[in-house]
Amino acid sequence: MNEQEAKQRLAEYLVFLQGDIGYSQPTSWLGDNPMFCQLPNDDWLATHPDDLQKGVLLKSNGENLPFFGALGKLVRQHGLGLPASREYFLASTFHGRYQAYDRGLAIWEAPEGGGDVGYPIARWESII
């Protein structure tokens, strides 16, 4: 995949995200504003130049793995690496999500009374 194909895939994926789960990105994501970086394994990483805590890993196998919001903050601040899964909802709470990364797991929860809690968890053998 070349950079132009990566841009096209990102645009299609962002439209899908908005229709699938109602997650809307700023319109600058749909232009030439995202930064694209080809990785050594031929995947592409698209990040927003104004907010590097938001991005989409466009894998060469056709998979798209986003990282946004509180989970994205955990990734950049704690060095968990790139996404290894999409974001999933926690079964134990209404306002919580988790996502696997190359070097660990990120868990985010917003308690009903307010606030924002994020937990980076380093990778260990039982979650490989």
C-alpha atoms as a PDB file:
ATOM      1  CA  MET A   1       0.000   0.000   0.000  1.00  0.00           C
ATOM      2  CA  ASN A   2       1.346   3.432  -0.871  1.00  0.00           C
ATOM      3  CA  GLU A   3       0.594   6.739   0.905  1.00  0.00           C
ATOM      4  CA  GLN A   4      -2.290   7.634  -1.425  1.00  0.00           C
ATOM      5  CA  GLU A   5      -3.948   4.259  -0.771  1.00  0.00           C
ATOM      6  CA  ALA A   6      -3.423   4.749   2.976  1.00  0.00           C
ATOM      7  CA  LYS A   7      -5.127   8.162   2.774  1.00  0.00           C
ATOM      8  CA  GLN A   8      -8.067   6.649   0.894  1.00  0.00           C
ATOM      9  CA  ARG A   9      -8.394   3.828   3.412  1.00  0.00           C
ATOM     10  CA  LEU A  10      -8.315   6.290   6.306  1.00  0.00           C
ATOM     11  CA  ALA A  11     -11.047   8.441   4.730  1.00  0.00           C
ATOM     12  CA  GLU A  12     -13.263   5.383   4.160  1.00  0.00           C
ATOM     13  CA  TYR A  13     -12.627   4.111   7.673  1.00  0.00           C
ATOM     14  CA  LEU A  14     -13.509   7.418   9.338  1.00  0.00           C
ATOM     15  CA  VAL A  15     -16.813   7.503   7.429  1.00  0.00           C
ATOM     16  CA  PHE A  16     -17.435   3.908   8.580  1.00  0.00           C
ATOM     17  CA  LEU A  17     -16.690   4.825  12.212  1.00  0.00           C
ATOM     18  CA  GLN A  18     -19.178   7.667  12.161  1.00  0.00           C
ATOM     19  CA  GLY A  19     -21.903   5.465  10.681  1.00  0.00           C
ATOM     20  CA  ASP A  20     -21.080   2.384  12.759  1.00  0.00           C
ATOM     21  CA  ILE A  21     -20.694   3.835  16.249  1.00  0.00           C
ATOM     22  CA  GLY A  22     -21.305   7.557  15.739  1.00  0.00           C
ATOM     23  CA  TYR A  23     -17.683   8.459  16.452  1.00  0.00           C
ATOM     24  CA  SER A  24     -17.006  11.643  14.516  1.00  0.00           C
ATOM     25  CA  GLN A  25     -13.508  13.005  13.886  1.00  0.00           C
ATOM     26  CA  PRO A  26     -12.723  16.635  13.048  1.00  0.00           C
ATOM     27  CA  THR A  27     -13.041  17.412   9.335  1.00  0.00           C
ATOM     28  CA  SER A  28      -9.273  18.003   9.173  1.00  0.00           C
ATOM     29  CA  TRP A  29      -8.891  14.207   9.407  1.00  0.00           C
ATOM     30  CA  LEU A  30     -10.531  13.908   6.009  1.00  0.00           C
ATOM     31  CA  GLY A  31      -8.120  16.282   4.247  1.00  0.00           C
ATOM     32  CA  ASP A  32      -4.365  16.194   3.921  1.00  0.00           C
ATOM     33  CA  ASN A  33      -3.948  17.196   7.564  1.00  0.00           C
ATOM     34  CA  PRO A  34      -3.199  13.753   9.082  1.00  0.00           C
ATOM     35  CA  MET A  35       0.458  12.791   9.201  1.00  0.00           C
ATOM     36  CA  PHE A  36       1.173   9.471   7.514  1.00  0.00           C
ATOM     37  CA  CYS A  37       4.176   7.337   8.391  1.00  0.00           C
ATOM     38  CA  GLN A  38       4.968   4.005   6.775  1.00  0.00           C
ATOM     39  CA  LEU A  39       6.215   1.473   9.311  1.00  0.00           C
ATOM     40  CA  PRO A  40       8.940  -1.132   8.634  1.00  0.00           C
ATOM     41  CA  ASN A  41       6.319  -3.914   8.328  1.00  0.00           C
ATOM     42  CA  ASP A  42       4.464  -1.966   5.556  1.00  0.00           C
ATOM     43  CA  ASP A  43       1.642  -0.854   7.886  1.00  0.00           C
ATOM     44  CA  TRP A  44       0.790   2.867   7.904  1.00  0.00           C
ATOM     45  CA  LEU A  45       0.256   5.053  10.955  1.00  0.00           C
ATOM     46  CA  ALA A  46      -2.012   8.080  10.552  1.00  0.00           C
ATOM     47  CA  THR A  47      -1.893  10.611  13.385  1.00  0.00           C
ATOM     48  CA  HIS A  48      -3.334  14.071  13.794  1.00  0.00           C
ATOM     49  CA  PRO A  49      -0.557  16.715  13.895  1.00  0.00           C
ATOM     50  CA  ASP A  50      -2.437  18.770  16.502  1.00  0.00           C
ATOM     51  CA  ASP A  51      -3.133  15.798  18.765  1.00  0.00           C
ATOM     52  CA  LEU A  52      -0.757  12.814  18.543  1.00  0.00           C
ATOM     53  CA  GLN A  53      -2.958  10.939  21.012  1.00  0.00           C
ATOM     54  CA  LYS A  54      -5.389  10.273  18.162  1.00  0.00           C
ATOM     55  CA  GLY A  55      -4.590   7.982  15.314  1.00  0.00           C
ATOM     56  CA  VAL A  56      -5.361   4.962  13.220  1.00  0.00           C
ATOM     57  CA  LEU A  57      -3.007   2.088  12.480  1.00  0.00           C
ATOM     58  CA  LEU A  58      -3.755   0.945   8.914  1.00  0.00           C
ATOM     59  CA  LYS A  59      -2.443  -2.604   8.785  1.00  0.00           C
ATOM     60  CA  SER A  60      -1.269  -4.144   5.533  1.00  0.00           C
ATOM     61  CA  ASN A  61      -3.683  -7.060   6.122  1.00  0.00           C
ATOM     62  CA  GLY A  62      -6.656  -4.649   5.774  1.00  0.00           C
ATOM     63  CA  GLU A  63      -7.337  -4.205   9.497  1.00  0.00           C
ATOM     64  CA  ASN A  64      -7.785  -0.657  10.876  1.00  0.00           C
ATOM     65  CA  LEU A  65      -6.989  -0.117  14.555  1.00  0.00           C
ATOM     66  CA  PRO A  66      -7.840   3.326  15.965  1.00  0.00           C
ATOM     67  CA  PHE A  67      -6.660   4.899  19.207  1.00  0.00           C
ATOM     68  CA  PHE A  68      -8.495   7.983  20.461  1.00  0.00           C
ATOM     69  CA  GLY A  69      -9.404   9.856  23.623  1.00  0.00           C
ATOM     70  CA  ALA A  70      -8.407   8.581  27.032  1.00  0.00           C
ATOM     71  CA  LEU A  71      -7.000   5.320  25.679  1.00  0.00           C
ATOM     72  CA  GLY A  72      -4.840   7.256  23.226  1.00  0.00           C
ATOM     73  CA  LYS A  73      -3.462   9.326  26.098  1.00  0.00           C
ATOM     74  CA  LEU A  74      -2.438   6.166  27.934  1.00  0.00           C
ATOM     75  CA  VAL A  75      -0.611   4.895  24.875  1.00  0.00           C
ATOM     76  CA  ARG A  76       1.510   7.991  24.351  1.00  0.00           C
ATOM     77  CA  GLN A  77       2.195   8.646  28.034  1.00  0.00           C
ATOM     78  CA  HIS A  78       3.105   5.093  29.025  1.00  0.00           C
ATOM     79  CA  GLY A  79       4.753   3.654  25.913  1.00  0.00           C
ATOM     80  CA  LEU A  80       2.363   0.770  25.313  1.00  0.00           C
ATOM     81  CA  GLY A  81       3.183   0.812  21.612  1.00  0.00           C
ATOM     82  CA  LEU A  82       0.785   0.647  18.681  1.00  0.00           C
ATOM     83  CA  PRO A  83      -2.716  -0.861  18.826  1.00  0.00           C
ATOM     84  CA  ALA A  84      -2.960  -4.652  18.592  1.00  0.00           C
ATOM     85  CA  SER A  85      -6.784  -4.701  18.767  1.00  0.00           C
ATOM     86  CA  ARG A  86      -9.680  -2.372  18.350  1.00  0.00           C
ATOM     87  CA  GLU A  87     -11.311  -0.753  21.374  1.00  0.00           C
ATOM     88  CA  TYR A  88     -13.740  -2.978  23.320  1.00  0.00           C
ATOM     89  CA  PHE A  89     -16.324  -2.166  25.989  1.00  0.00           C
ATOM     90  CA  LEU A  90     -15.798  -3.446  29.523  1.00  0.00           C
ATOM     91  CA  ALA A  91     -18.516  -5.836  30.633  1.00  0.00           C
ATOM     92  CA  SER A  92     -18.282  -4.689  34.247  1.00  0.00           C
ATOM     93  CA  THR A  93     -19.158  -1.041  33.702  1.00  0.00           C
ATOM     94  CA  PHE A  94     -21.392   1.056  31.463  1.00  0.00           C
ATOM     95  CA  HIS A  95     -18.742   3.718  30.801  1.00  0.00           C
ATOM     96  CA  GLY A  96     -15.543   1.768  30.309  1.00  0.00           C
ATOM     97  CA  ARG A  97     -13.378   0.482  27.491  1.00  0.00           C
ATOM     98  CA  TYR A  98     -10.131  -1.406  26.964  1.00  0.00           C
ATOM     99  CA  GLN A  99      -7.708  -1.953  24.111  1.00  0.00           C
ATOM    100  CA  ALA A 100      -4.685  -4.220  23.612  1.00  0.00           C
ATOM    101  CA  TYR A 101      -1.404  -2.701  22.438  1.00  0.00           C
ATOM    102  CA  ASP A 102       1.979  -4.140  21.411  1.00  0.00           C
ATOM    103  CA  ARG A 103       3.405  -3.775  24.907  1.00  0.00           C
ATOM    104  CA  GLY A 104       0.375  -3.971  27.154  1.00  0.00           C
ATOM    105  CA  LEU A 105      -3.248  -3.223  27.774  1.00  0.00           C
ATOM    106  CA  ALA A 106      -5.022   0.085  28.411  1.00  0.00           C
ATOM    107  CA  ILE A 107      -8.227   0.271  30.439  1.00  0.00           C
ATOM    108  CA  TRP A 108     -10.349   3.411  30.744  1.00  0.00           C
ATOM    109  CA  GLU A 109     -13.402   4.066  32.884  1.00  0.00           C
ATOM    110  CA  ALA A 110     -15.613   7.102  33.507  1.00  0.00           C
ATOM    111  CA  PRO A 111     -17.398   6.638  36.843  1.00  0.00           C
ATOM    112  CA  GLU A 112     -21.027   7.825  37.053  1.00  0.00           C
ATOM    113  CA  GLY A 113     -20.175  10.589  39.520  1.00  0.00           C
ATOM    114  CA  GLY A 114     -17.731  12.112  37.043  1.00  0.00           C
ATOM    115  CA  GLY A 115     -14.038  11.848  36.519  1.00  0.00           C
ATOM    116  CA  ASP A 116     -11.835   9.923  34.181  1.00  0.00           C
ATOM    117  CA  VAL A 117      -9.632   6.974  35.188  1.00  0.00           C
ATOM    118  CA  GLY A 118      -7.079   5.273  32.964  1.00  0.00           C
ATOM    119  CA  TYR A 119      -4.911   2.249  33.710  1.00  0.00           C
ATOM    120  CA  PRO A 120      -1.934   1.170  31.606  1.00  0.00           C
ATOM    121  CA  ILE A 121      -1.052  -2.484  32.213  1.00  0.00           C
ATOM    122  CA  ALA A 122       2.272  -3.842  30.996  1.00  0.00           C
ATOM    123  CA  ARG A 123       2.134  -6.995  28.913  1.00  0.00           C
ATOM    124  CA  TRP A 124       2.558 -10.250  30.735  1.00  0.00           C
ATOM    125  CA  GLU A 125       2.430 -13.826  29.430  1.00  0.00           C
ATOM    126  CA  SER A 126      -1.233 -14.421  30.307  1.00  0.00           C
ATOM    127  CA  ILE A 127      -2.509 -11.702  27.933  1.00  0.00           C
ATOM    128  CA  ILE A 128      -0.451 -12.623  24.868  1.00  0.00           C
END
